[in-house]
Amino acid sequence: MVEVVVSVTKKGQATIPKKLREKYGIKDKALLVEEDGKGILLKPLPSPYEEFGSLKHLFPGKTAREVVEEGRKEDYEREKRLLKIAGLPDV
């Protein structure tokens, strides 16, 4: 475990030492988590590019376009049913 003393500005800003930023991959933003009775913990946030494709296991064999079109079709069918119930013309 590494312990480092850092200064905190009047605005509450602290600098994370470069070695630790590089080691943990902290770039533009970090997640700050309060741990009851222990203090705070900084965690690196993954970039959207690192998360690209992270939902593939939920929709095996389907492209993103197919998943979106399927969702839109369900919404369209629901909207048609609601318009019919309300006695309004179909869109």
C-alpha atoms as a PDB file:
ATOM      1  CA  MET A   1       0.000   0.000   0.000  1.00  0.00           C
ATOM      2  CA  VAL A   2       1.260   3.438  -0.950  1.00  0.00           C
ATOM      3  CA  GLU A   3       0.632   6.400   1.331  1.00  0.00           C
ATOM      4  CA  VAL A   4       1.114   9.891  -0.055  1.00  0.00           C
ATOM      5  CA  VAL A   5       0.349  13.254   1.523  1.00  0.00           C
ATOM      6  CA  VAL A   6      -1.326  15.676  -0.884  1.00  0.00           C
ATOM      7  CA  SER A   7      -2.408  19.278  -0.424  1.00  0.00           C
ATOM      8  CA  VAL A   8      -6.047  20.243  -0.708  1.00  0.00           C
ATOM      9  CA  THR A   9      -6.900  23.700  -2.061  1.00  0.00           C
ATOM     10  CA  LYS A  10      -9.552  26.039  -0.652  1.00  0.00           C
ATOM     11  CA  LYS A  11     -11.835  24.774  -3.419  1.00  0.00           C
ATOM     12  CA  GLY A  12     -11.360  21.187  -2.237  1.00  0.00           C
ATOM     13  CA  GLN A  13      -9.108  20.143  -5.104  1.00  0.00           C
ATOM     14  CA  ALA A  14      -6.309  17.649  -4.554  1.00  0.00           C
ATOM     15  CA  THR A  15      -3.690  16.425  -6.999  1.00  0.00           C
ATOM     16  CA  ILE A  16      -3.318  12.695  -7.515  1.00  0.00           C
ATOM     17  CA  PRO A  17       0.370  11.921  -7.995  1.00  0.00           C
ATOM     18  CA  LYS A  18       1.329  11.059 -11.576  1.00  0.00           C
ATOM     19  CA  LYS A  19       2.625   7.570 -10.715  1.00  0.00           C
ATOM     20  CA  LEU A  20      -0.726   6.618  -9.162  1.00  0.00           C
ATOM     21  CA  ARG A  21      -2.747   8.141 -12.038  1.00  0.00           C
ATOM     22  CA  GLU A  22      -0.704   6.120 -14.506  1.00  0.00           C
ATOM     23  CA  LYS A  23      -0.796   2.930 -12.415  1.00  0.00           C
ATOM     24  CA  TYR A  24      -4.607   2.979 -12.084  1.00  0.00           C
ATOM     25  CA  GLY A  25      -5.438   4.527 -15.454  1.00  0.00           C
ATOM     26  CA  ILE A  26      -7.045   7.672 -14.052  1.00  0.00           C
ATOM     27  CA  LYS A  27      -7.408  10.206 -16.842  1.00  0.00           C
ATOM     28  CA  ASP A  28     -10.116  12.871 -17.076  1.00  0.00           C
ATOM     29  CA  LYS A  29     -12.493  11.657 -14.383  1.00  0.00           C
ATOM     30  CA  ALA A  30     -12.545   9.348 -11.388  1.00  0.00           C
ATOM     31  CA  LEU A  31     -15.292   7.923  -9.226  1.00  0.00           C
ATOM     32  CA  LEU A  32     -15.155   8.975  -5.569  1.00  0.00           C
ATOM     33  CA  VAL A  33     -16.716   6.452  -3.170  1.00  0.00           C
ATOM     34  CA  GLU A  34     -17.317   7.101   0.519  1.00  0.00           C
ATOM     35  CA  GLU A  35     -16.596   4.037   2.618  1.00  0.00           C
ATOM     36  CA  ASP A  36     -18.324   4.227   5.989  1.00  0.00           C
ATOM     37  CA  GLY A  37     -15.816   4.659   8.753  1.00  0.00           C
ATOM     38  CA  LYS A  38     -12.838   4.221   6.441  1.00  0.00           C
ATOM     39  CA  GLY A  39     -12.690   7.360   4.329  1.00  0.00           C
ATOM     40  CA  ILE A  40     -12.898   7.837   0.591  1.00  0.00           C
ATOM     41  CA  LEU A  41     -11.790   5.736  -2.340  1.00  0.00           C
ATOM     42  CA  LEU A  42     -10.973   6.963  -5.855  1.00  0.00           C
ATOM     43  CA  LYS A  43     -11.655   4.578  -8.714  1.00  0.00           C
ATOM     44  CA  PRO A  44     -10.848   5.096 -12.383  1.00  0.00           C
ATOM     45  CA  LEU A  45     -13.824   5.482 -14.699  1.00  0.00           C
ATOM     46  CA  PRO A  46     -13.616   3.457 -17.899  1.00  0.00           C
ATOM     47  CA  SER A  47     -13.875   5.439 -21.096  1.00  0.00           C
ATOM     48  CA  PRO A  48     -16.878   4.742 -23.336  1.00  0.00           C
ATOM     49  CA  TYR A  49     -14.455   3.200 -25.850  1.00  0.00           C
ATOM     50  CA  GLU A  50     -13.305   0.643 -23.273  1.00  0.00           C
ATOM     51  CA  GLU A  51     -16.923  -0.322 -22.625  1.00  0.00           C
ATOM     52  CA  PHE A  52     -17.722  -0.676 -26.331  1.00  0.00           C
ATOM     53  CA  GLY A  53     -19.553  -3.951 -26.900  1.00  0.00           C
ATOM     54  CA  SER A  54     -20.004  -4.717 -23.198  1.00  0.00           C
ATOM     55  CA  LEU A  55     -23.678  -5.645 -23.707  1.00  0.00           C
ATOM     56  CA  LYS A  56     -23.075  -8.167 -26.497  1.00  0.00           C
ATOM     57  CA  HIS A  57     -23.658 -11.088 -24.141  1.00  0.00           C
ATOM     58  CA  LEU A  58     -27.224  -9.841 -23.509  1.00  0.00           C
ATOM     59  CA  PHE A  59     -28.143  -9.936 -27.225  1.00  0.00           C
ATOM     60  CA  PRO A  60     -26.218 -12.838 -28.734  1.00  0.00           C
ATOM     61  CA  GLY A  61     -26.275 -13.032 -32.512  1.00  0.00           C
ATOM     62  CA  LYS A  62     -27.846  -9.579 -32.979  1.00  0.00           C
ATOM     63  CA  THR A  63     -26.325  -6.363 -34.225  1.00  0.00           C
ATOM     64  CA  ALA A  64     -26.920  -3.076 -32.414  1.00  0.00           C
ATOM     65  CA  ARG A  65     -29.141  -1.974 -35.298  1.00  0.00           C
ATOM     66  CA  GLU A  66     -31.301  -5.111 -34.946  1.00  0.00           C
ATOM     67  CA  VAL A  67     -31.706  -4.578 -31.198  1.00  0.00           C
ATOM     68  CA  VAL A  68     -32.754  -0.934 -31.698  1.00  0.00           C
ATOM     69  CA  GLU A  69     -35.181  -1.790 -34.503  1.00  0.00           C
ATOM     70  CA  GLU A  70     -36.724  -4.539 -32.376  1.00  0.00           C
ATOM     71  CA  GLY A  71     -37.242  -2.086 -29.507  1.00  0.00           C
ATOM     72  CA  ARG A  72     -38.752   0.504 -31.821  1.00  0.00           C
ATOM     73  CA  LYS A  73     -41.126  -2.070 -33.310  1.00  0.00           C
ATOM     74  CA  GLU A  74     -42.390  -2.972 -29.834  1.00  0.00           C
ATOM     75  CA  ASP A  75     -42.917   0.736 -29.050  1.00  0.00           C
ATOM     76  CA  TYR A  76     -44.739   1.276 -32.351  1.00  0.00           C
ATOM     77  CA  GLU A  77     -47.072  -1.679 -31.740  1.00  0.00           C
ATOM     78  CA  ARG A  78     -47.812  -0.457 -28.200  1.00  0.00           C
ATOM     79  CA  GLU A  79     -48.556   3.041 -29.504  1.00  0.00           C
ATOM     80  CA  LYS A  80     -50.934   1.613 -32.124  1.00  0.00           C
ATOM     81  CA  ARG A  81     -52.837  -0.340 -29.432  1.00  0.00           C
ATOM     82  CA  LEU A  82     -53.133   2.751 -27.219  1.00  0.00           C
ATOM     83  CA  LEU A  83     -54.399   4.883 -30.115  1.00  0.00           C
ATOM     84  CA  LYS A  84     -56.967   2.222 -30.974  1.00  0.00           C
ATOM     85  CA  ILE A  85     -58.189   2.088 -27.354  1.00  0.00           C
ATOM     86  CA  ALA A  86     -58.447   5.884 -27.279  1.00  0.00           C
ATOM     87  CA  GLY A  87     -60.369   5.862 -30.567  1.00  0.00           C
ATOM     88  CA  LEU A  88     -57.780   8.005 -32.331  1.00  0.00           C
ATOM     89  CA  PRO A  89     -56.589   7.515 -35.929  1.00  0.00           C
ATOM     90  CA  ASP A  90     -53.484   5.399 -36.504  1.00  0.00           C
ATOM     91  CA  VAL A  91     -50.265   7.321 -37.178  1.00  0.00           C
END
